[in-house]
Amino acid sequence: MNKFLLLFSLLFLIPNYLFAHCEVPCGIYDDELRFKELYENTATIEKSTKIIIEISKDKTPDYNQLVRWINTKEIHAEKNQDIVSQYFLHQRIKLADSHSPEYKDYIRSLELLHRISVYSMNTKQSTDLKNIELLKDSIHDFQHHYLKEDK
C-alpha cells in the first residue's frame, strides 16, 4: 500500500506542484518574451492561413496537409489567448478601483487584451487575412500601451 501511495504522489501531485509555477507570486516576469511569443504565434497563424488558402485551391487538395495546417493555426491562436488570459490578465494587469487615477489605463488594457483574444478567435474561424491584420494591430497597440511607449 505504501508503494502505491508513493507512486500516486509522484505521478499526480508533484507534476501539479511543478507546473503551478505560473500562478505563484514569484515576481519573475518577462513581458518582452510574451510579446515576442504573441507576434510569433501570429506569424504562424498567417503562414498557416496562406497555406490553407493555397491547398484549398488545388483540384485535388491534400486533406492531410490541410488538416495539419488548420490544427497549427488553431493551436497558435489558442496560445495567444492563453498569453492574454493566463499571463496578462491573471498576473500582470492589476485591478483598479473605478475611482482611482489608474482606472482609465486599466480599462484600456482590458479593451486591448479583449481585442487580441477575439481577433485570435476570429483567425480560428476563417481564413480572412483581415483578421490577422487586426490581430497584429491589436498586439502592437497593447504592447505600446502596456510598455508606455509612444506609437
Protein backbone atom coordinates (compact mmCIF):
# COMPACT_ATOMS: atom_id res chain seq x y z
CA MET A 1 0.00 0.00 0.00
CA ASN A 2 2.84 2.42 0.78
CA LYS A 3 4.35 1.86 -2.67
CA PHE A 4 1.01 2.71 -4.27
CA LEU A 5 0.75 5.91 -2.23
CA LEU A 6 4.28 6.92 -3.17
CA LEU A 7 3.67 6.21 -6.85
CA PHE A 8 0.39 8.14 -6.74
CA SER A 9 2.15 11.10 -5.15
CA LEU A 10 4.93 11.09 -7.71
CA LEU A 11 2.65 10.77 -10.71
CA PHE A 12 -0.16 13.10 -9.78
CA LEU A 13 0.77 15.52 -7.03
CA ILE A 14 4.34 16.53 -7.82
CA PRO A 15 3.75 17.41 -11.52
CA ASN A 16 0.83 19.62 -10.50
CA TYR A 17 3.03 21.39 -7.99
CA LEU A 18 5.83 21.85 -10.52
CA PHE A 19 3.61 23.24 -13.26
CA ALA A 20 1.71 25.58 -10.93
CA HIS A 21 4.66 27.98 -11.01
CA CYS A 22 2.89 30.47 -13.27
CA GLU A 23 0.37 31.48 -10.62
CA VAL A 24 2.81 31.59 -7.75
CA PRO A 25 3.63 35.25 -6.97
CA CYS A 26 7.35 34.78 -7.62
CA GLY A 27 7.91 38.12 -9.34
CA ILE A 28 9.68 36.51 -12.30
CA TYR A 29 8.12 38.01 -15.41
CA ASP A 30 9.34 38.53 -18.95
CA ASP A 31 6.91 40.85 -20.70
CA GLU A 32 9.09 41.25 -23.79
CA LEU A 33 9.17 37.47 -24.24
CA ARG A 34 5.38 37.34 -24.11
CA PHE A 35 5.11 39.99 -26.81
CA LYS A 36 7.62 38.09 -28.91
CA GLU A 37 5.50 34.95 -28.47
CA LEU A 38 2.32 36.82 -29.46
CA TYR A 39 3.97 38.05 -32.66
CA GLU A 40 5.50 34.65 -33.41
CA ASN A 41 2.17 32.87 -32.91
CA THR A 42 0.52 35.42 -35.18
CA ALA A 43 3.15 34.89 -37.88
CA THR A 44 2.45 31.16 -37.68
CA ILE A 45 -1.29 31.82 -37.95
CA GLU A 46 -0.66 33.96 -41.03
CA LYS A 47 1.58 31.37 -42.68
CA SER A 48 -0.92 28.60 -41.88
CA THR A 49 -3.80 30.64 -43.28
CA LYS A 50 -1.99 31.34 -46.55
CA ILE A 51 -1.10 27.67 -46.97
CA ILE A 52 -4.68 26.63 -46.18
CA ILE A 53 -5.91 29.00 -48.90
CA GLU A 54 -3.40 27.57 -51.40
CA ILE A 55 -4.17 23.93 -50.58
CA SER A 56 -7.90 24.64 -50.82
CA LYS A 57 -7.45 25.93 -54.38
CA ASP A 58 -5.97 22.65 -55.61
CA LYS A 59 -8.18 20.41 -57.74
CA THR A 60 -7.18 17.50 -55.53
CA PRO A 61 -6.29 19.02 -52.18
CA ASP A 62 -4.06 17.11 -49.81
CA TYR A 63 -6.51 16.81 -46.94
CA ASN A 64 -3.89 15.51 -44.52
CA GLN A 65 -1.82 18.65 -45.00
CA LEU A 66 -4.93 20.81 -44.89
CA VAL A 67 -5.92 19.36 -41.51
CA ARG A 68 -2.39 19.75 -40.18
CA TRP A 69 -2.28 23.44 -41.13
CA ILE A 70 -5.75 24.07 -39.72
CA ASN A 71 -4.66 22.47 -36.44
CA THR A 72 -1.47 24.54 -36.41
CA LYS A 73 -3.45 27.73 -36.95
CA GLU A 74 -5.85 26.86 -34.14
CA ILE A 75 -3.11 25.88 -31.69
CA HIS A 76 -1.27 29.19 -32.18
CA ALA A 77 -4.46 31.22 -31.87
CA GLU A 78 -5.14 29.44 -28.57
CA LYS A 79 -1.59 30.16 -27.45
CA ASN A 80 -2.27 33.86 -27.99
CA GLN A 81 -5.46 33.60 -25.97
CA ASP A 82 -3.59 31.79 -23.19
CA ILE A 83 -0.94 34.51 -23.03
CA VAL A 84 -3.63 37.19 -22.87
CA SER A 85 -5.54 35.39 -20.16
CA GLN A 86 -3.00 33.46 -18.13
CA TYR A 87 -0.13 35.90 -18.27
CA PHE A 88 -1.51 39.40 -18.71
CA LEU A 89 -5.00 39.27 -17.21
CA HIS A 90 -4.26 36.88 -14.36
CA GLN A 91 -0.83 38.12 -13.38
CA ARG A 92 0.21 41.44 -14.87
CA ILE A 93 -2.82 43.73 -15.15
CA LYS A 94 -3.70 44.87 -11.66
CA LEU A 95 -7.27 45.53 -10.62
CA ALA A 96 -8.10 49.20 -10.33
CA ASP A 97 -10.86 50.87 -8.37
CA SER A 98 -13.25 52.82 -10.58
CA HIS A 99 -12.43 55.99 -8.63
CA SER A 100 -8.66 55.62 -8.90
CA PRO A 101 -6.43 57.54 -11.31
CA GLU A 102 -5.29 54.19 -12.77
CA TYR A 103 -8.80 53.15 -13.80
CA LYS A 104 -8.71 54.64 -17.31
CA ASP A 105 -5.42 52.85 -18.02
CA TYR A 106 -6.86 49.62 -16.61
CA ILE A 107 -9.94 49.81 -18.87
CA ARG A 108 -7.76 50.49 -21.92
CA SER A 109 -5.64 47.42 -21.09
CA LEU A 110 -8.76 45.28 -20.79
CA GLU A 111 -10.10 46.57 -24.10
CA LEU A 112 -6.87 45.85 -25.97
CA LEU A 113 -6.44 42.41 -24.44
CA HIS A 114 -10.04 41.59 -25.31
CA ARG A 115 -9.36 42.60 -28.91
CA ILE A 116 -6.32 40.28 -29.07
CA SER A 117 -8.37 37.42 -27.69
CA VAL A 118 -11.32 37.99 -30.03
CA TYR A 119 -9.19 38.50 -33.14
CA SER A 120 -7.29 35.32 -32.25
CA MET A 121 -10.65 33.56 -32.11
CA ASN A 122 -11.61 35.08 -35.46
CA THR A 123 -8.43 33.70 -37.06
CA LYS A 124 -9.56 30.25 -35.95
CA GLN A 125 -12.97 30.68 -37.54
CA SER A 126 -11.92 31.77 -41.02
CA THR A 127 -9.11 32.32 -43.49
CA ASP A 128 -9.83 36.03 -43.87
CA LEU A 129 -6.43 37.72 -43.74
CA LYS A 130 -8.11 40.89 -42.43
CA ASN A 131 -8.45 39.19 -39.03
CA ILE A 132 -4.71 38.61 -38.91
CA GLU A 133 -4.03 42.29 -39.62
CA LEU A 134 -6.48 43.29 -36.88
CA LEU A 135 -4.73 40.88 -34.53
CA LYS A 136 -1.28 42.28 -35.36
CA ASP A 137 -2.53 45.84 -34.88
CA SER A 138 -4.10 44.95 -31.54
CA ILE A 139 -0.91 43.32 -30.27
CA HIS A 140 1.05 46.36 -31.39
CA ASP A 141 -1.38 48.77 -29.71
CA PHE A 142 -1.39 46.79 -26.47
CA GLN A 143 2.40 46.49 -26.44
CA HIS A 144 2.83 50.24 -26.73
CA HIS A 145 0.10 50.95 -24.21
CA TYR A 146 1.40 48.41 -21.71
CA LEU A 147 5.05 49.39 -22.04
CA LYS A 148 4.04 53.08 -22.02
CA GLU A 149 5.69 53.71 -25.36
CA ASP A 150 4.67 56.24 -27.96
CA LYS A 151 3.41 54.72 -31.17
